[in-house]
Amino acid sequence: MHGRFALTVIYCADLEPMAAFYRDTLGLKVIAEKEGEYVLDGNSHALLLQARPDRPTREAETIFIGVDVETAVQDLAALDPVRMPGEESRGFRVQDPEGNSVCFVND
């Protein structure tokens, strides 16, 4: 492998609601910000949200691992979590403000 994988980019039709979702709802810390961009800390992996109303990302999937599933389902109940079929105790998913999937799993 060449180097380390460090960043995922999601192009946003409407940046501010996306930043609020990942920052305020999911608790990611903003580590850099400039006009039209937020970089959020996902521990060993960063998430770059970039304003691109001309070509927003569609059908991205972000996955959080090592999650206490029952606590997270309660904490995120307002987002209508959907349990993984056949693996209800293992995880669930919600959608960000632009319809991308955000998954939470316990392993």
C-alpha atoms as a PDB file:
ATOM      1  CA  MET A   1       0.000   0.000   0.000  1.00  0.00           C
ATOM      2  CA  HIS A   2       1.168   3.523  -0.715  1.00  0.00           C
ATOM      3  CA  GLY A   3       0.633   5.852   2.224  1.00  0.00           C
ATOM      4  CA  ARG A   4      -2.331   5.882   4.623  1.00  0.00           C
ATOM      5  CA  PHE A   5      -6.021   6.214   3.819  1.00  0.00           C
ATOM      6  CA  ALA A   6      -7.058   9.337   5.694  1.00  0.00           C
ATOM      7  CA  LEU A   7      -9.999  11.226   4.197  1.00  0.00           C
ATOM      8  CA  THR A   8     -13.480  10.741   2.770  1.00  0.00           C
ATOM      9  CA  VAL A   9     -15.136  13.565   0.829  1.00  0.00           C
ATOM     10  CA  ILE A  10     -18.871  14.179   0.614  1.00  0.00           C
ATOM     11  CA  TYR A  11     -19.907  16.898  -1.823  1.00  0.00           C
ATOM     12  CA  CYS A  12     -22.929  18.720  -0.408  1.00  0.00           C
ATOM     13  CA  ALA A  13     -25.848  20.426  -2.100  1.00  0.00           C
ATOM     14  CA  ASP A  14     -26.434  22.386   1.131  1.00  0.00           C
ATOM     15  CA  LEU A  15     -23.331  22.437   3.325  1.00  0.00           C
ATOM     16  CA  GLU A  16     -24.632  23.945   6.581  1.00  0.00           C
ATOM     17  CA  PRO A  17     -27.314  21.322   7.383  1.00  0.00           C
ATOM     18  CA  MET A  18     -24.799  18.583   6.558  1.00  0.00           C
ATOM     19  CA  ALA A  19     -22.157  20.129   8.822  1.00  0.00           C
ATOM     20  CA  ALA A  20     -24.704  20.529  11.622  1.00  0.00           C
ATOM     21  CA  PHE A  21     -25.740  16.880  11.274  1.00  0.00           C
ATOM     22  CA  TYR A  22     -22.234  15.433  11.457  1.00  0.00           C
ATOM     23  CA  ARG A  23     -21.020  17.954  14.057  1.00  0.00           C
ATOM     24  CA  ASP A  24     -24.024  18.488  16.335  1.00  0.00           C
ATOM     25  CA  THR A  25     -26.060  15.318  15.906  1.00  0.00           C
ATOM     26  CA  LEU A  26     -23.278  12.747  15.517  1.00  0.00           C
ATOM     27  CA  GLY A  27     -20.679  14.583  17.588  1.00  0.00           C
ATOM     28  CA  LEU A  28     -17.776  14.775  15.139  1.00  0.00           C
ATOM     29  CA  LYS A  29     -15.340  17.555  15.989  1.00  0.00           C
ATOM     30  CA  VAL A  30     -14.587  20.237  13.395  1.00  0.00           C
ATOM     31  CA  ILE A  31     -10.805  20.279  12.939  1.00  0.00           C
ATOM     32  CA  ALA A  32     -10.648  22.719  10.025  1.00  0.00           C
ATOM     33  CA  GLU A  33     -13.078  25.092   8.393  1.00  0.00           C
ATOM     34  CA  LYS A  34     -12.971  27.541   5.534  1.00  0.00           C
ATOM     35  CA  GLU A  35     -15.550  28.954   3.170  1.00  0.00           C
ATOM     36  CA  GLY A  36     -17.393  26.055   1.570  1.00  0.00           C
ATOM     37  CA  GLU A  37     -15.644  23.311   3.574  1.00  0.00           C
ATOM     38  CA  TYR A  38     -15.589  21.560   6.913  1.00  0.00           C
ATOM     39  CA  VAL A  39     -13.120  18.871   7.939  1.00  0.00           C
ATOM     40  CA  LEU A  40     -14.388  16.720  10.791  1.00  0.00           C
ATOM     41  CA  ASP A  41     -12.405  14.312  12.949  1.00  0.00           C
ATOM     42  CA  GLY A  42     -13.542  10.713  12.770  1.00  0.00           C
ATOM     43  CA  ASN A  43     -10.703   9.463  15.004  1.00  0.00           C
ATOM     44  CA  SER A  44      -8.232   7.866  12.576  1.00  0.00           C
ATOM     45  CA  HIS A  45     -10.155   9.007   9.503  1.00  0.00           C
ATOM     46  CA  ALA A  46     -11.359  12.487   8.550  1.00  0.00           C
ATOM     47  CA  LEU A  47     -14.537  13.540   6.778  1.00  0.00           C
ATOM     48  CA  LEU A  48     -14.423  16.492   4.398  1.00  0.00           C
ATOM     49  CA  LEU A  49     -17.768  18.127   3.682  1.00  0.00           C
ATOM     50  CA  GLN A  50     -17.479  20.396   0.672  1.00  0.00           C
ATOM     51  CA  ALA A  51     -20.131  22.666  -0.838  1.00  0.00           C
ATOM     52  CA  ARG A  52     -20.787  21.434  -4.381  1.00  0.00           C
ATOM     53  CA  PRO A  53     -24.434  22.184  -5.210  1.00  0.00           C
ATOM     54  CA  ASP A  54     -23.661  21.442  -8.854  1.00  0.00           C
ATOM     55  CA  ARG A  55     -22.706  17.808  -8.150  1.00  0.00           C
ATOM     56  CA  PRO A  56     -23.567  16.570  -4.670  1.00  0.00           C
ATOM     57  CA  THR A  57     -22.553  13.082  -3.596  1.00  0.00           C
ATOM     58  CA  ARG A  58     -25.391  10.588  -3.815  1.00  0.00           C
ATOM     59  CA  GLU A  59     -25.642   7.249  -2.077  1.00  0.00           C
ATOM     60  CA  ALA A  60     -22.531   7.580   0.098  1.00  0.00           C
ATOM     61  CA  GLU A  61     -22.332   5.261   3.088  1.00  0.00           C
ATOM     62  CA  THR A  62     -20.453   6.233   6.237  1.00  0.00           C
ATOM     63  CA  ILE A  63     -19.920   3.488   8.833  1.00  0.00           C
ATOM     64  CA  PHE A  64     -19.205   3.880  12.542  1.00  0.00           C
ATOM     65  CA  ILE A  65     -17.829   0.768  14.275  1.00  0.00           C
ATOM     66  CA  GLY A  66     -17.526  -0.216  17.937  1.00  0.00           C
ATOM     67  CA  VAL A  67     -20.938   1.253  18.705  1.00  0.00           C
ATOM     68  CA  ASP A  68     -23.126   0.511  21.734  1.00  0.00           C
ATOM     69  CA  VAL A  69     -26.082  -0.132  19.439  1.00  0.00           C
ATOM     70  CA  GLU A  70     -28.886   0.120  21.989  1.00  0.00           C
ATOM     71  CA  THR A  71     -27.624   3.428  23.408  1.00  0.00           C
ATOM     72  CA  ALA A  72     -27.048   4.873  19.933  1.00  0.00           C
ATOM     73  CA  VAL A  73     -30.554   3.857  18.790  1.00  0.00           C
ATOM     74  CA  GLN A  74     -32.006   5.709  21.773  1.00  0.00           C
ATOM     75  CA  ASP A  75     -29.759   8.751  21.283  1.00  0.00           C
ATOM     76  CA  LEU A  76     -30.612   8.979  17.573  1.00  0.00           C
ATOM     77  CA  ALA A  77     -34.309   8.031  17.828  1.00  0.00           C
ATOM     78  CA  ALA A  78     -35.368  11.329  16.201  1.00  0.00           C
ATOM     79  CA  LEU A  79     -33.594  10.176  13.009  1.00  0.00           C
ATOM     80  CA  ASP A  80     -35.794   7.052  12.722  1.00  0.00           C
ATOM     81  CA  PRO A  81     -33.036   4.415  12.928  1.00  0.00           C
ATOM     82  CA  VAL A  82     -33.621   1.346  10.756  1.00  0.00           C
ATOM     83  CA  ARG A  83     -32.263  -1.920  12.144  1.00  0.00           C
ATOM     84  CA  MET A  84     -30.255  -4.153   9.848  1.00  0.00           C
ATOM     85  CA  PRO A  85     -32.573  -6.952   8.684  1.00  0.00           C
ATOM     86  CA  GLY A  86     -31.637 -10.251  10.300  1.00  0.00           C
ATOM     87  CA  GLU A  87     -28.965  -8.529  12.399  1.00  0.00           C
ATOM     88  CA  GLU A  88     -31.059  -6.203  14.555  1.00  0.00           C
ATOM     89  CA  SER A  89     -28.731  -6.379  17.559  1.00  0.00           C
ATOM     90  CA  ARG A  90     -25.637  -5.769  15.422  1.00  0.00           C
ATOM     91  CA  GLY A  91     -26.472  -2.372  13.985  1.00  0.00           C
ATOM     92  CA  PHE A  92     -28.704   0.167  12.302  1.00  0.00           C
ATOM     93  CA  ARG A  93     -28.650   2.991   9.798  1.00  0.00           C
ATOM     94  CA  VAL A  94     -29.979   6.520   9.506  1.00  0.00           C
ATOM     95  CA  GLN A  95     -29.841   9.077   6.718  1.00  0.00           C
ATOM     96  CA  ASP A  96     -27.994  12.379   6.701  1.00  0.00           C
ATOM     97  CA  PRO A  97     -29.851  15.504   5.498  1.00  0.00           C
ATOM     98  CA  GLU A  98     -29.025  14.707   1.852  1.00  0.00           C
ATOM     99  CA  GLY A  99     -30.076  11.063   1.992  1.00  0.00           C
ATOM    100  CA  ASN A 100     -26.687   9.399   2.391  1.00  0.00           C
ATOM    101  CA  SER A 101     -26.605   6.330   4.599  1.00  0.00           C
ATOM    102  CA  VAL A 102     -24.887   6.461   7.984  1.00  0.00           C
ATOM    103  CA  CYS A 103     -24.451   3.013   9.579  1.00  0.00           C
ATOM    104  CA  PHE A 104     -23.652   2.117  13.169  1.00  0.00           C
ATOM    105  CA  VAL A 105     -22.383  -1.377  14.005  1.00  0.00           C
ATOM    106  CA  ASN A 106     -21.081  -2.967  17.174  1.00  0.00           C
ATOM    107  CA  ASP A 107     -18.060  -4.658  15.623  1.00  0.00           C
END
